């Protein structure tokens, strides 16, 4: 899915600003580690999370349309049907 140095030989250089306290905390937490690799992994995770969220939106929208078209049922009628299906009706 992603171009990584080990897979595609393609590397992009990024330059962005972050709050100083975030940079300091990141440096402390990942001291001695390959920060480029860590940032790449965090970016991959962010992209995947965004894509999952979009897939959820895409999946739920048709269901919401169907739900809006469904007939309304009174709560008492719904509860009675549940009890009946559970074999608990009086």
PDB file of N, CA and C in Angstrom:
ATOM      1  N   UNK A   1       0.819  -1.190   0.000  1.00  0.00           N
ATOM      2  CA  UNK A   1       0.000   0.000   0.000  1.00  0.00           C
ATOM      3  C   UNK A   1       0.863   1.255   0.000  1.00  0.00           C
ATOM      4  N   UNK A   2       1.890   1.265   0.817  1.00  0.00           N
ATOM      5  CA  UNK A   2       2.728   2.448   0.941  1.00  0.00           C
ATOM      6  C   UNK A   2       4.084   2.200   0.304  1.00  0.00           C
ATOM      7  N   UNK A   3       4.659   3.274  -0.232  1.00  0.00           N
ATOM      8  CA  UNK A   3       6.025   3.202  -0.738  1.00  0.00           C
ATOM      9  C   UNK A   3       6.976   3.402   0.428  1.00  0.00           C
ATOM     10  N   UNK A   4       7.734   2.380   0.725  1.00  0.00           N
ATOM     11  CA  UNK A   4       8.714   2.495   1.802  1.00  0.00           C
ATOM     12  C   UNK A   4      10.096   2.275   1.214  1.00  0.00           C
ATOM     13  N   UNK A   5      11.137   2.798   1.838  1.00  0.00           N
ATOM     14  CA  UNK A   5      12.480   2.633   1.288  1.00  0.00           C
ATOM     15  C   UNK A   5      12.838   1.180   1.021  1.00  0.00           C
ATOM     16  N   UNK A   6      12.367   0.272   1.873  1.00  0.00           N
ATOM     17  CA  UNK A   6      12.718  -1.129   1.694  1.00  0.00           C
ATOM     18  C   UNK A   6      11.926  -1.782   0.573  1.00  0.00           C
ATOM     19  N   UNK A   7      10.795  -1.205   0.197  1.00  0.00           N
ATOM     20  CA  UNK A   7       9.960  -1.821  -0.825  1.00  0.00           C
ATOM     21  C   UNK A   7      10.043  -1.126  -2.172  1.00  0.00           C
ATOM     22  N   UNK A   8      10.079   0.176  -2.194  1.00  0.00           N
ATOM     23  CA  UNK A   8      10.000   0.871  -3.467  1.00  0.00           C
ATOM     24  C   UNK A   8      11.224   1.719  -3.766  1.00  0.00           C
ATOM     25  N   UNK A   9      12.101   1.924  -2.786  1.00  0.00           N
ATOM     26  CA  UNK A   9      13.260   2.756  -3.018  1.00  0.00           C
ATOM     27  C   UNK A   9      12.929   4.231  -3.149  1.00  0.00           C
ATOM     28  N   UNK A  10      11.724   4.621  -2.782  1.00  0.00           N
ATOM     29  CA  UNK A  10      11.285   6.006  -2.902  1.00  0.00           C
ATOM     30  C   UNK A  10      11.162   6.599  -1.512  1.00  0.00           C
ATOM     31  N   UNK A  11      11.807   7.739  -1.307  1.00  0.00           N
ATOM     32  CA  UNK A  11      11.730   8.418  -0.019  1.00  0.00           C
ATOM     33  C   UNK A  11      11.404   9.878  -0.275  1.00  0.00           C
ATOM     34  N   UNK A  12      10.419  10.404   0.441  1.00  0.00           N
ATOM     35  CA  UNK A  12      10.062  11.815   0.346  1.00  0.00           C
ATOM     36  C   UNK A  12      10.565  12.526   1.593  1.00  0.00           C
ATOM     37  N   UNK A  13      10.921  13.769   1.426  1.00  0.00           N
ATOM     38  CA  UNK A  13      11.376  14.557   2.567  1.00  0.00           C
ATOM     39  C   UNK A  13      10.264  15.525   2.938  1.00  0.00           C
ATOM     40  N   UNK A  14       9.913  15.576   4.223  1.00  0.00           N
ATOM     41  CA  UNK A  14       8.873  16.463   4.717  1.00  0.00           C
ATOM     42  C   UNK A  14       9.482  17.499   5.652  1.00  0.00           C
ATOM     43  N   UNK A  15       8.876  18.657   5.657  1.00  0.00           N
ATOM     44  CA  UNK A  15       9.289  19.711   6.581  1.00  0.00           C
ATOM     45  C   UNK A  15       8.012  20.326   7.137  1.00  0.00           C
ATOM     46  N   UNK A  16       7.785  20.169   8.435  1.00  0.00           N
ATOM     47  CA  UNK A  16       6.588  20.719   9.050  1.00  0.00           C
ATOM     48  C   UNK A  16       6.904  21.147  10.470  1.00  0.00           C
ATOM     49  N   UNK A  17       6.044  21.975  11.008  1.00  0.00           N
ATOM     50  CA  UNK A  17       6.243  22.513  12.347  1.00  0.00           C
ATOM     51  C   UNK A  17       5.311  21.846  13.336  1.00  0.00           C
ATOM     52  N   UNK A  18       5.825  21.628  14.541  1.00  0.00           N
ATOM     53  CA  UNK A  18       5.016  21.087  15.635  1.00  0.00           C
ATOM     54  C   UNK A  18       5.294  21.930  16.875  1.00  0.00           C
ATOM     55  N   UNK A  19       4.381  21.930  17.823  1.00  0.00           N
ATOM     56  CA  UNK A  19       4.635  22.670  19.063  1.00  0.00           C
ATOM     57  C   UNK A  19       5.903  22.137  19.745  1.00  0.00           C
ATOM     58  N   UNK A  20       6.630  23.025  20.366  1.00  0.00           N
ATOM     59  CA  UNK A  20       7.902  22.664  20.999  1.00  0.00           C
ATOM     60  C   UNK A  20       7.725  21.571  22.049  1.00  0.00           C
ATOM     61  N   UNK A  21       6.631  21.631  22.837  1.00  0.00           N
ATOM     62  CA  UNK A  21       6.438  20.611  23.871  1.00  0.00           C
ATOM     63  C   UNK A  21       6.203  19.229  23.265  1.00  0.00           C
ATOM     64  N   UNK A  22       5.552  19.178  22.105  1.00  0.00           N
ATOM     65  CA  UNK A  22       5.326  17.894  21.421  1.00  0.00           C
ATOM     66  C   UNK A  22       6.660  17.339  20.922  1.00  0.00           C
ATOM     67  N   UNK A  23       7.474  18.211  20.319  1.00  0.00           N
ATOM     68  CA  UNK A  23       8.787  17.775  19.833  1.00  0.00           C
ATOM     69  C   UNK A  23       9.646  17.258  20.982  1.00  0.00           C
ATOM     70  N   UNK A  24       9.659  17.985  22.091  1.00  0.00           N
ATOM     71  CA  UNK A  24      10.470  17.576  23.239  1.00  0.00           C
ATOM     72  C   UNK A  24       9.995  16.226  23.785  1.00  0.00           C
ATOM     73  N   UNK A  25       8.685  16.050  23.896  1.00  0.00           N
ATOM     74  CA  UNK A  25       8.143  14.780  24.400  1.00  0.00           C
ATOM     75  C   UNK A  25       8.462  13.638  23.436  1.00  0.00           C
ATOM     76  N   UNK A  26       8.354  13.903  22.143  1.00  0.00           N
ATOM     77  CA  UNK A  26       8.671  12.890  21.133  1.00  0.00           C
ATOM     78  C   UNK A  26      10.151  12.507  21.225  1.00  0.00           C
ATOM     79  N   UNK A  27      11.012  13.524  21.289  1.00  0.00           N
ATOM     80  CA  UNK A  27      12.455  13.264  21.399  1.00  0.00           C
ATOM     81  C   UNK A  27      12.783  12.447  22.643  1.00  0.00           C
ATOM     82  N   UNK A  28      12.151  12.775  23.767  1.00  0.00           N
ATOM     83  CA  UNK A  28      12.382  12.020  25.005  1.00  0.00           C
ATOM     84  C   UNK A  28      11.886  10.579  24.881  1.00  0.00           C
ATOM     85  N   UNK A  29      10.695  10.421  24.321  1.00  0.00           N
ATOM     86  CA  UNK A  29      10.089   9.092  24.241  1.00  0.00           C
ATOM     87  C   UNK A  29      10.837   8.174  23.284  1.00  0.00           C
ATOM     88  N   UNK A  30      11.399   8.738  22.218  1.00  0.00           N
ATOM     89  CA  UNK A  30      12.011   7.901  21.188  1.00  0.00           C
ATOM     90  C   UNK A  30      13.516   8.143  21.035  1.00  0.00           C
ATOM     91  N   UNK A  31      14.148   8.596  22.082  1.00  0.00           N
ATOM     92  CA  UNK A  31      15.587   8.849  22.058  1.00  0.00           C
ATOM     93  C   UNK A  31      16.322   7.568  21.659  1.00  0.00           C
ATOM     94  N   UNK A  32      17.250   7.716  20.745  1.00  0.00           N
ATOM     95  CA  UNK A  32      18.061   6.572  20.316  1.00  0.00           C
ATOM     96  C   UNK A  32      17.396   5.704  19.264  1.00  0.00           C
ATOM     97  N   UNK A  33      16.180   6.021  18.893  1.00  0.00           N
ATOM     98  CA  UNK A  33      15.472   5.235  17.871  1.00  0.00           C
ATOM     99  C   UNK A  33      15.455   5.994  16.556  1.00  0.00           C
ATOM    100  N   UNK A  34      15.152   5.289  15.502  1.00  0.00           N
ATOM    101  CA  UNK A  34      15.059   5.894  14.179  1.00  0.00           C
ATOM    102  C   UNK A  34      13.754   6.674  14.103  1.00  0.00           C
ATOM    103  N   UNK A  35      13.855   7.979  14.319  1.00  0.00           N
ATOM    104  CA  UNK A  35      12.647   8.801  14.384  1.00  0.00           C
ATOM    105  C   UNK A  35      11.939   8.896  13.037  1.00  0.00           C
ATOM    106  N   UNK A  36      12.682   8.836  11.948  1.00  0.00           N
ATOM    107  CA  UNK A  36      12.040   8.848  10.629  1.00  0.00           C
ATOM    108  C   UNK A  36      11.151   7.621  10.454  1.00  0.00           C
ATOM    109  N   UNK A  37      11.642   6.473  10.894  1.00  0.00           N
ATOM    110  CA  UNK A  37      10.848   5.242  10.805  1.00  0.00           C
ATOM    111  C   UNK A  37       9.601   5.349  11.677  1.00  0.00           C
ATOM    112  N   UNK A  38       9.768   5.894  12.876  1.00  0.00           N
ATOM    113  CA  UNK A  38       8.641   6.033  13.794  1.00  0.00           C
ATOM    114  C   UNK A  38       7.598   6.993  13.229  1.00  0.00           C
ATOM    115  N   UNK A  39       8.056   8.143  12.717  1.00  0.00           N
ATOM    116  CA  UNK A  39       7.108   9.097  12.119  1.00  0.00           C
ATOM    117  C   UNK A  39       6.405   8.492  10.907  1.00  0.00           C
ATOM    118  N   UNK A  40       7.139   7.729  10.105  1.00  0.00           N
ATOM    119  CA  UNK A  40       6.525   7.068   8.953  1.00  0.00           C
ATOM    120  C   UNK A  40       5.419   6.115   9.403  1.00  0.00           C
ATOM    121  N   UNK A  41       5.704   5.339  10.451  1.00  0.00           N
ATOM    122  CA  UNK A  41       4.713   4.394  10.961  1.00  0.00           C
ATOM    123  C   UNK A  41       3.495   5.130  11.525  1.00  0.00           C
ATOM    124  N   UNK A  42       3.730   6.211  12.268  1.00  0.00           N
ATOM    125  CA  UNK A  42       2.607   6.994  12.803  1.00  0.00           C
ATOM    126  C   UNK A  42       1.762   7.587  11.670  1.00  0.00           C
ATOM    127  N   UNK A  43       2.416   8.035  10.618  1.00  0.00           N
ATOM    128  CA  UNK A  43       1.680   8.583   9.474  1.00  0.00           C
ATOM    129  C   UNK A  43       0.872   7.484   8.779  1.00  0.00           C
ATOM    130  N   UNK A  44       1.470   6.303   8.636  1.00  0.00           N
ATOM    131  CA  UNK A  44       0.724   5.176   8.044  1.00  0.00           C
ATOM    132  C   UNK A  44      -0.521   4.866   8.872  1.00  0.00           C
ATOM    133  N   UNK A  45      -0.339   4.823  10.194  1.00  0.00           N
ATOM    134  CA  UNK A  45      -1.472   4.531  11.077  1.00  0.00           C
ATOM    135  C   UNK A  45      -2.555   5.595  10.943  1.00  0.00           C
ATOM    136  N   UNK A  46      -2.152   6.848  10.825  1.00  0.00           N
ATOM    137  CA  UNK A  46      -3.127   7.939  10.671  1.00  0.00           C
ATOM    138  C   UNK A  46      -3.883   7.803   9.353  1.00  0.00           C
ATOM    139  N   UNK A  47      -3.179   7.465   8.286  1.00  0.00           N
ATOM    140  CA  UNK A  47      -3.828   7.283   6.982  1.00  0.00           C
ATOM    141  C   UNK A  47      -4.807   6.119   7.051  1.00  0.00           C
ATOM    142  N   UNK A  48      -4.386   5.013   7.636  1.00  0.00           N
ATOM    143  CA  UNK A  48      -5.260   3.844   7.746  1.00  0.00           C
ATOM    144  C   UNK A  48      -6.487   4.151   8.595  1.00  0.00           C
ATOM    145  N   UNK A  49      -6.317   4.892   9.685  1.00  0.00           N
ATOM    146  CA  UNK A  49      -7.459   5.262  10.533  1.00  0.00           C
ATOM    147  C   UNK A  49      -8.433   6.143   9.754  1.00  0.00           C
ATOM    148  N   UNK A  50      -7.918   7.073   8.987  1.00  0.00           N
ATOM    149  CA  UNK A  50      -8.771   7.947   8.179  1.00  0.00           C
ATOM    150  C   UNK A  50      -9.527   7.127   7.132  1.00  0.00           C
ATOM    151  N   UNK A  51      -8.846   6.177   6.506  1.00  0.00           N
ATOM    152  CA  UNK A  51      -9.499   5.327   5.507  1.00  0.00           C
ATOM    153  C   UNK A  51     -10.566   4.443   6.145  1.00  0.00           C
ATOM    154  N   UNK A  52     -10.293   3.903   7.333  1.00  0.00           N
ATOM    155  CA  UNK A  52     -11.306   3.098   8.043  1.00  0.00           C
ATOM    156  C   UNK A  52     -12.532   3.940   8.362  1.00  0.00           C
ATOM    157  N   UNK A  53     -12.304   5.163   8.820  1.00  0.00           N
ATOM    158  CA  UNK A  53     -13.416   6.055   9.149  1.00  0.00           C
ATOM    159  C   UNK A  53     -14.255   6.331   7.899  1.00  0.00           C
ATOM    160  N   UNK A  54     -13.601   6.540   6.769  1.00  0.00           N
ATOM    161  CA  UNK A  54     -14.344   6.794   5.525  1.00  0.00           C
ATOM    162  C   UNK A  54     -15.125   5.558   5.100  1.00  0.00           C
ATOM    163  N   UNK A  55     -14.533   4.372   5.272  1.00  0.00           N
ATOM    164  CA  UNK A  55     -15.265   3.141   4.934  1.00  0.00           C
ATOM    165  C   UNK A  55     -16.489   2.978   5.826  1.00  0.00           C
ATOM    166  N   UNK A  56     -16.369   3.360   7.109  1.00  0.00           N
ATOM    167  CA  UNK A  56     -17.530   3.278   8.008  1.00  0.00           C
ATOM    168  C   UNK A  56     -18.635   4.219   7.544  1.00  0.00           C
ATOM    169  N   UNK A  57     -18.262   5.428   7.162  1.00  0.00           N
ATOM    170  CA  UNK A  57     -19.256   6.389   6.672  1.00  0.00           C
ATOM    171  C   UNK A  57     -19.930   5.838   5.422  1.00  0.00           C
ATOM    172  N   UNK A  58     -19.125   5.303   4.522  1.00  0.00           N
ATOM    173  CA  UNK A  58     -19.656   4.752   3.275  1.00  0.00           C
ATOM    174  C   UNK A  58     -20.600   3.583   3.556  1.00  0.00           C
ATOM    175  N   UNK A  59     -20.283   2.778   4.550  1.00  0.00           N
ATOM    176  CA  UNK A  59     -21.110   1.617   4.870  1.00  0.00           C
ATOM    177  C   UNK A  59     -22.388   2.015   5.608  1.00  0.00           C
ATOM    178  N   UNK A  60     -22.315   2.998   6.477  1.00  0.00           N
ATOM    179  CA  UNK A  60     -23.470   3.327   7.318  1.00  0.00           C
ATOM    180  C   UNK A  60     -24.516   4.153   6.586  1.00  0.00           C
ATOM    181  N   UNK A  61     -24.111   4.982   5.635  1.00  0.00           N
ATOM    182  CA  UNK A  61     -25.069   5.853   4.960  1.00  0.00           C
ATOM    183  C   UNK A  61     -26.246   5.095   4.334  1.00  0.00           C
ATOM    184  N   UNK A  62     -26.015   4.031   3.577  1.00  0.00           N
ATOM    185  CA  UNK A  62     -27.164   3.295   3.018  1.00  0.00           C
ATOM    186  C   UNK A  62     -28.052   2.691   4.108  1.00  0.00           C
ATOM    187  N   UNK A  63     -27.449   2.261   5.214  1.00  0.00           N
ATOM    188  CA  UNK A  63     -28.245   1.704   6.308  1.00  0.00           C
ATOM    189  C   UNK A  63     -29.129   2.774   6.947  1.00  0.00           C
ATOM    190  N   UNK A  64     -28.595   3.969   7.087  1.00  0.00           N
ATOM    191  CA  UNK A  64     -29.387   5.060   7.651  1.00  0.00           C
ATOM    192  C   UNK A  64     -30.553   5.432   6.739  1.00  0.00           C
ATOM    193  N   UNK A  65     -30.337   5.364   5.440  1.00  0.00           N
ATOM    194  CA  UNK A  65     -31.426   5.627   4.493  1.00  0.00           C
ATOM    195  C   UNK A  65     -32.519   4.576   4.668  1.00  0.00           C
ATOM    196  N   UNK A  66     -32.128   3.311   4.754  1.00  0.00           N
ATOM    197  CA  UNK A  66     -33.115   2.242   4.963  1.00  0.00           C
ATOM    198  C   UNK A  66     -33.851   2.412   6.283  1.00  0.00           C
ATOM    199  N   UNK A  67     -33.116   2.782   7.310  1.00  0.00           N
ATOM    200  CA  UNK A  67     -33.748   2.962   8.618  1.00  0.00           C
ATOM    201  C   UNK A  67     -34.776   4.081   8.577  1.00  0.00           C
ATOM    202  N   UNK A  68     -34.456   5.151   7.873  1.00  0.00           N
ATOM    203  CA  UNK A  68     -35.386   6.276   7.770  1.00  0.00           C
ATOM    204  C   UNK A  68     -36.666   5.869   7.040  1.00  0.00           C
ATOM    205  N   UNK A  69     -36.575   4.884   6.158  1.00  0.00           N
ATOM    206  CA  UNK A  69     -37.733   4.437   5.380  1.00  0.00           C
ATOM    207  C   UNK A  69     -38.543   3.364   6.114  1.00  0.00           C
ATOM    208  N   UNK A  70     -37.985   2.788   7.145  1.00  0.00           N
ATOM    209  CA  UNK A  70     -38.656   1.704   7.866  1.00  0.00           C
ATOM    210  C   UNK A  70     -39.845   2.255   8.647  1.00  0.00           C
ATOM    211  N   UNK A  71     -40.886   1.447   8.753  1.00  0.00           N
ATOM    212  CA  UNK A  71     -42.056   1.905   9.519  1.00  0.00           C
ATOM    213  C   UNK A  71     -41.706   2.041  11.001  1.00  0.00           C
ATOM    214  N   UNK A  72     -42.313   3.005  11.643  1.00  0.00           N
ATOM    215  CA  UNK A  72     -42.095   3.232  13.072  1.00  0.00           C
ATOM    216  C   UNK A  72     -42.922   2.219  13.864  1.00  0.00           C
ATOM    217  N   UNK A  73     -42.331   1.755  14.957  1.00  0.00           N
ATOM    218  CA  UNK A  73     -43.009   0.793  15.829  1.00  0.00           C
ATOM    219  C   UNK A  73     -42.998   1.379  17.236  1.00  0.00           C
ATOM    220  N   UNK A  74     -44.118   1.315  17.894  1.00  0.00           N
ATOM    221  CA  UNK A  74     -44.204   1.820  19.269  1.00  0.00           C
ATOM    222  C   UNK A  74     -43.312   0.978  20.177  1.00  0.00           C
ATOM    223  N   UNK A  75     -42.760   1.609  21.184  1.00  0.00           N
ATOM    224  CA  UNK A  75     -41.855   0.929  22.112  1.00  0.00           C
ATOM    225  C   UNK A  75     -42.535  -0.260  22.780  1.00  0.00           C
ATOM    226  N   UNK A  76     -43.796  -0.117  23.128  1.00  0.00           N
ATOM    227  CA  UNK A  76     -44.500  -1.227  23.778  1.00  0.00           C
ATOM    228  C   UNK A  76     -44.657  -2.399  22.824  1.00  0.00           C
ATOM    229  N   UNK A  77     -44.915  -2.107  21.570  1.00  0.00           N
ATOM    230  CA  UNK A  77     -45.044  -3.168  20.562  1.00  0.00           C
ATOM    231  C   UNK A  77     -43.692  -3.853  20.340  1.00  0.00           C
ATOM    232  N   UNK A  78     -42.640  -3.052  20.282  1.00  0.00           N
ATOM    233  CA  UNK A  78     -41.287  -3.590  20.114  1.00  0.00           C
ATOM    234  C   UNK A  78     -40.927  -4.492  21.285  1.00  0.00           C
ATOM    235  N   UNK A  79     -41.179  -4.017  22.504  1.00  0.00           N
ATOM    236  CA  UNK A  79     -40.839  -4.795  23.698  1.00  0.00           C
ATOM    237  C   UNK A  79     -41.624  -6.096  23.756  1.00  0.00           C
ATOM    238  N   UNK A  80     -42.886  -6.051  23.371  1.00  0.00           N
ATOM    239  CA  UNK A  80     -43.710  -7.258  23.358  1.00  0.00           C
ATOM    240  C   UNK A  80     -43.168  -8.262  22.346  1.00  0.00           C
ATOM    241  N   UNK A  81     -42.732  -7.784  21.188  1.00  0.00           N
ATOM    242  CA  UNK A  81     -42.164  -8.676  20.172  1.00  0.00           C
ATOM    243  C   UNK A  81     -40.882  -9.322  20.677  1.00  0.00           C
ATOM    244  N   UNK A  82     -40.062  -8.574  21.359  1.00  0.00           N
ATOM    245  CA  UNK A  82     -38.823  -9.131  21.918  1.00  0.00           C
ATOM    246  C   UNK A  82     -39.123 -10.226  22.934  1.00  0.00           C
ATOM    247  N   UNK A  83     -40.046  -9.935  23.819  1.00  0.00           N
ATOM    248  CA  UNK A  83     -40.422 -10.944  24.809  1.00  0.00           C
ATOM    249  C   UNK A  83     -40.964 -12.205  24.146  1.00  0.00           C
ATOM    250  N   UNK A  84     -41.783 -12.010  23.114  1.00  0.00           N
ATOM    251  CA  UNK A  84     -42.358 -13.145  22.396  1.00  0.00           C
ATOM    252  C   UNK A  84     -41.244 -13.986  21.755  1.00  0.00           C
ATOM    253  N   UNK A  85     -40.282 -13.328  21.108  1.00  0.00           N
ATOM    254  CA  UNK A  85     -39.195 -14.052  20.460  1.00  0.00           C
ATOM    255  C   UNK A  85     -38.321 -14.781  21.469  1.00  0.00           C
ATOM    256  N   UNK A  86     -38.230 -14.261  22.672  1.00  0.00           N
ATOM    257  CA  UNK A  86     -37.457 -14.908  23.726  1.00  0.00           C
ATOM    258  C   UNK A  86     -38.264 -15.998  24.443  1.00  0.00           C
ATOM    259  N   UNK A  87     -39.529 -16.093  24.087  1.00  0.00           N
ATOM    260  CA  UNK A  87     -40.395 -17.067  24.749  1.00  0.00           C
ATOM    261  C   UNK A  87     -40.813 -16.635  26.141  1.00  0.00           C
ATOM    262  N   UNK A  88     -40.759 -15.338  26.388  1.00  0.00           N
ATOM    263  CA  UNK A  88     -41.070 -14.816  27.712  1.00  0.00           C
ATOM    264  C   UNK A  88     -42.416 -14.098  27.755  1.00  0.00           C
ATOM    265  N   UNK A  89     -43.195 -14.235  26.685  1.00  0.00           N
ATOM    266  CA  UNK A  89     -44.479 -13.505  26.689  1.00  0.00           C
ATOM    267  C   UNK A  89     -45.452 -14.149  27.648  1.00  0.00           C
ATOM    268  N   UNK A  90     -46.309 -13.321  28.156  1.00  0.00           N
ATOM    269  CA  UNK A  90     -47.250 -13.770  29.192  1.00  0.00           C
ATOM    270  C   UNK A  90     -48.478 -14.406  28.602  1.00  0.00           C
TER     271      UNK A  90
END
